[in-house]
Each structure stands twice: as structure tokens, then as C-alpha cells.
Amino acid sequence: MTEPTLRQWKRRALAAEEELATIQKLRAFDTTREMDMARENATLRVALREVQDASNWAYGAIADKLGGVPT
């Protein structure tokens, strides 16, 4: 087998650079998507906590009006 020519080396290098650029774009997209999901999860966690607090407050208010929590 013969040594690749300069043109073949350049073609291989260009292909490798293109593949690297594609991988970098995919990773950037994945990172952006992951951060969006983390942001959404944090927002939903806060909203759930607020709903739980409101529910606990309402339950306590009703229990107080009815004379305490039954056991």
C-alpha cells in the first residue's frame, strides 16, 4: 500500500473538520436543550410548591372553621 497523497490528506483533514463541526453543533444543541429542561423543571418545582402551600393553607382554614382537624 502506498502513502496517501497530499490531496488525500487534505481531503481527510477537511472531512474530519466537518465531522467535528457537526459534533460541536449537536453538543451545543444538547446543552441548550438540557438547560431549557432544567429551567422548566425548576419553574414547575416552584409552582408545585406554591400549589401545595395554597392547598395546605386552604385545608387549615377549612379545618379551623369546622372546629379542628378530625383524627
N, C-alpha and C. Protein backbone atom coordinates (compact mmCIF):
# COMPACT_ATOMS: atom_id res chain seq x y z
N MET A 1 0.85 -1.17 0.00
CA MET A 1 0.00 0.00 0.00
C MET A 1 0.90 1.24 0.00
N THR A 2 0.48 2.24 -0.74
CA THR A 2 1.29 3.45 -0.86
C THR A 2 0.83 4.50 0.13
N GLU A 3 1.70 5.41 0.39
CA GLU A 3 1.41 6.53 1.28
C GLU A 3 0.38 7.44 0.61
N PRO A 4 -0.63 7.91 1.38
CA PRO A 4 -1.64 8.81 0.80
C PRO A 4 -0.98 10.09 0.26
N THR A 5 -1.56 10.62 -0.77
CA THR A 5 -1.03 11.84 -1.38
C THR A 5 -1.45 13.04 -0.53
N LEU A 6 -0.83 14.18 -0.84
CA LEU A 6 -1.16 15.41 -0.13
C LEU A 6 -2.63 15.75 -0.31
N ARG A 7 -3.15 15.55 -1.49
CA ARG A 7 -4.56 15.83 -1.77
C ARG A 7 -5.46 14.93 -0.90
N GLN A 8 -5.09 13.67 -0.77
CA GLN A 8 -5.88 12.75 0.07
C GLN A 8 -5.82 13.16 1.53
N TRP A 9 -4.64 13.59 2.00
CA TRP A 9 -4.51 14.05 3.38
C TRP A 9 -5.39 15.28 3.61
N LYS A 10 -5.39 16.19 2.66
CA LYS A 10 -6.20 17.41 2.79
C LYS A 10 -7.69 17.05 2.81
N ARG A 11 -8.08 16.10 1.96
CA ARG A 11 -9.47 15.68 1.91
C ARG A 11 -9.87 15.04 3.24
N ARG A 12 -9.01 14.23 3.79
CA ARG A 12 -9.28 13.59 5.09
C ARG A 12 -9.38 14.63 6.21
N ALA A 13 -8.47 15.60 6.17
CA ALA A 13 -8.48 16.65 7.20
C ALA A 13 -9.76 17.47 7.10
N LEU A 14 -10.19 17.79 5.89
CA LEU A 14 -11.42 18.55 5.70
C LEU A 14 -12.62 17.75 6.20
N ALA A 15 -12.65 16.46 5.89
CA ALA A 15 -13.75 15.60 6.36
C ALA A 15 -13.77 15.54 7.88
N ALA A 16 -12.59 15.45 8.49
CA ALA A 16 -12.51 15.40 9.95
C ALA A 16 -12.98 16.72 10.56
N GLU A 17 -12.62 17.84 9.96
CA GLU A 17 -13.07 19.14 10.45
C GLU A 17 -14.58 19.28 10.34
N GLU A 18 -15.15 18.81 9.24
CA GLU A 18 -16.61 18.87 9.05
C GLU A 18 -17.32 17.99 10.09
N GLU A 19 -16.76 16.83 10.33
CA GLU A 19 -17.36 15.93 11.33
C GLU A 19 -17.28 16.56 12.72
N LEU A 20 -16.16 17.18 13.03
CA LEU A 20 -16.00 17.85 14.32
C LEU A 20 -17.00 18.99 14.46
N ALA A 21 -17.19 19.77 13.40
CA ALA A 21 -18.15 20.88 13.43
C ALA A 21 -19.56 20.34 13.67
N THR A 22 -19.91 19.24 13.04
CA THR A 22 -21.23 18.63 13.23
C THR A 22 -21.41 18.17 14.67
N ILE A 23 -20.39 17.54 15.21
CA ILE A 23 -20.46 17.07 16.61
C ILE A 23 -20.59 18.25 17.56
N GLN A 24 -19.85 19.33 17.31
CA GLN A 24 -19.93 20.51 18.16
C GLN A 24 -21.32 21.14 18.11
N LYS A 25 -21.94 21.17 16.93
CA LYS A 25 -23.29 21.70 16.80
C LYS A 25 -24.28 20.84 17.58
N LEU A 26 -24.14 19.52 17.47
CA LEU A 26 -25.03 18.62 18.21
C LEU A 26 -24.88 18.80 19.71
N ARG A 27 -23.65 18.91 20.18
CA ARG A 27 -23.42 19.10 21.62
C ARG A 27 -23.97 20.43 22.10
N ALA A 28 -23.81 21.47 21.30
CA ALA A 28 -24.36 22.78 21.68
C ALA A 28 -25.88 22.71 21.75
N PHE A 29 -26.50 22.02 20.79
CA PHE A 29 -27.95 21.86 20.79
C PHE A 29 -28.39 21.08 22.03
N ASP A 30 -27.67 19.99 22.33
CA ASP A 30 -28.00 19.19 23.51
C ASP A 30 -27.87 20.00 24.80
N THR A 31 -26.82 20.80 24.89
CA THR A 31 -26.60 21.63 26.07
C THR A 31 -27.73 22.64 26.24
N THR A 32 -28.11 23.27 25.13
CA THR A 32 -29.20 24.25 25.17
C THR A 32 -30.49 23.56 25.61
N ARG A 33 -30.75 22.40 25.05
CA ARG A 33 -31.96 21.65 25.40
C ARG A 33 -31.95 21.23 26.87
N GLU A 34 -30.80 20.79 27.34
CA GLU A 34 -30.67 20.39 28.74
C GLU A 34 -30.92 21.57 29.68
N MET A 35 -30.38 22.74 29.34
CA MET A 35 -30.59 23.92 30.18
C MET A 35 -32.06 24.35 30.15
N ASP A 36 -32.69 24.25 28.99
CA ASP A 36 -34.13 24.58 28.90
C ASP A 36 -34.95 23.64 29.78
N MET A 37 -34.60 22.36 29.76
CA MET A 37 -35.32 21.38 30.59
C MET A 37 -35.08 21.64 32.07
N ALA A 38 -33.86 21.99 32.45
CA ALA A 38 -33.55 22.29 33.85
C ALA A 38 -34.33 23.53 34.30
N ARG A 39 -34.39 24.54 33.44
CA ARG A 39 -35.14 25.76 33.75
C ARG A 39 -36.62 25.44 33.94
N GLU A 40 -37.17 24.64 33.03
CA GLU A 40 -38.58 24.26 33.12
C GLU A 40 -38.85 23.45 34.39
N ASN A 41 -37.97 22.51 34.70
CA ASN A 41 -38.14 21.71 35.92
C ASN A 41 -38.12 22.58 37.17
N ALA A 42 -37.22 23.55 37.21
CA ALA A 42 -37.16 24.45 38.36
C ALA A 42 -38.44 25.26 38.48
N THR A 43 -38.95 25.74 37.35
CA THR A 43 -40.20 26.51 37.35
C THR A 43 -41.36 25.65 37.85
N LEU A 44 -41.43 24.42 37.35
CA LEU A 44 -42.51 23.52 37.77
C LEU A 44 -42.40 23.16 39.25
N ARG A 45 -41.17 23.02 39.75
CA ARG A 45 -40.96 22.71 41.16
C ARG A 45 -41.48 23.85 42.04
N VAL A 46 -41.19 25.08 41.65
CA VAL A 46 -41.67 26.25 42.40
C VAL A 46 -43.19 26.32 42.34
N ALA A 47 -43.76 26.10 41.15
CA ALA A 47 -45.22 26.14 41.01
C ALA A 47 -45.89 25.07 41.86
N LEU A 48 -45.33 23.87 41.87
CA LEU A 48 -45.88 22.79 42.68
C LEU A 48 -45.83 23.14 44.16
N ARG A 49 -44.71 23.70 44.60
CA ARG A 49 -44.57 24.10 46.00
C ARG A 49 -45.62 25.16 46.36
N GLU A 50 -45.87 26.10 45.46
CA GLU A 50 -46.87 27.13 45.72
C GLU A 50 -48.27 26.53 45.80
N VAL A 51 -48.56 25.57 44.92
CA VAL A 51 -49.87 24.90 44.95
C VAL A 51 -50.01 24.11 46.25
N GLN A 52 -48.96 23.44 46.68
CA GLN A 52 -49.00 22.69 47.93
C GLN A 52 -49.22 23.63 49.12
N ASP A 53 -48.52 24.76 49.13
CA ASP A 53 -48.70 25.74 50.21
C ASP A 53 -50.13 26.26 50.24
N ALA A 54 -50.67 26.59 49.07
CA ALA A 54 -52.05 27.10 49.00
C ALA A 54 -53.04 26.02 49.45
N SER A 55 -52.80 24.79 49.05
CA SER A 55 -53.67 23.68 49.43
C SER A 55 -53.62 23.46 50.95
N ASN A 56 -52.42 23.48 51.51
CA ASN A 56 -52.29 23.31 52.96
C ASN A 56 -52.97 24.46 53.71
N TRP A 57 -52.81 25.69 53.19
CA TRP A 57 -53.46 26.83 53.83
C TRP A 57 -54.98 26.67 53.78
N ALA A 58 -55.52 26.27 52.61
CA ALA A 58 -56.97 26.12 52.46
C ALA A 58 -57.48 25.01 53.37
N TYR A 59 -56.75 23.92 53.44
CA TYR A 59 -57.15 22.81 54.31
C TYR A 59 -57.18 23.27 55.76
N GLY A 60 -56.16 24.03 56.16
CA GLY A 60 -56.11 24.54 57.54
C GLY A 60 -57.23 25.51 57.81
N ALA A 61 -57.55 26.38 56.85
CA ALA A 61 -58.63 27.36 57.03
C ALA A 61 -59.97 26.65 57.18
N ILE A 62 -60.20 25.65 56.38
CA ILE A 62 -61.47 24.89 56.46
C ILE A 62 -61.53 24.13 57.78
N ALA A 63 -60.42 23.54 58.16
CA ALA A 63 -60.39 22.78 59.42
C ALA A 63 -60.67 23.69 60.60
N ASP A 64 -60.11 24.91 60.57
CA ASP A 64 -60.36 25.88 61.65
C ASP A 64 -61.84 26.25 61.72
N LYS A 65 -62.47 26.43 60.58
CA LYS A 65 -63.91 26.81 60.55
C LYS A 65 -64.78 25.67 61.04
N LEU A 66 -64.33 24.43 60.80
CA LEU A 66 -65.12 23.28 61.21
C LEU A 66 -64.77 22.81 62.61
N GLY A 67 -63.86 23.47 63.25
CA GLY A 67 -63.54 23.12 64.62
C GLY A 67 -62.36 22.19 64.77
N GLY A 68 -61.42 22.23 63.90
CA GLY A 68 -60.22 21.44 64.05
C GLY A 68 -60.18 20.29 63.07
N VAL A 69 -59.05 19.65 63.04
CA VAL A 69 -58.82 18.53 62.12
C VAL A 69 -59.28 17.24 62.80
N PRO A 70 -60.18 16.47 62.14
CA PRO A 70 -60.61 15.20 62.74
C PRO A 70 -59.47 14.18 62.74
N THR A 71 -59.46 13.36 63.78
CA THR A 71 -58.41 12.34 63.86
C THR A 71 -59.00 10.95 63.73
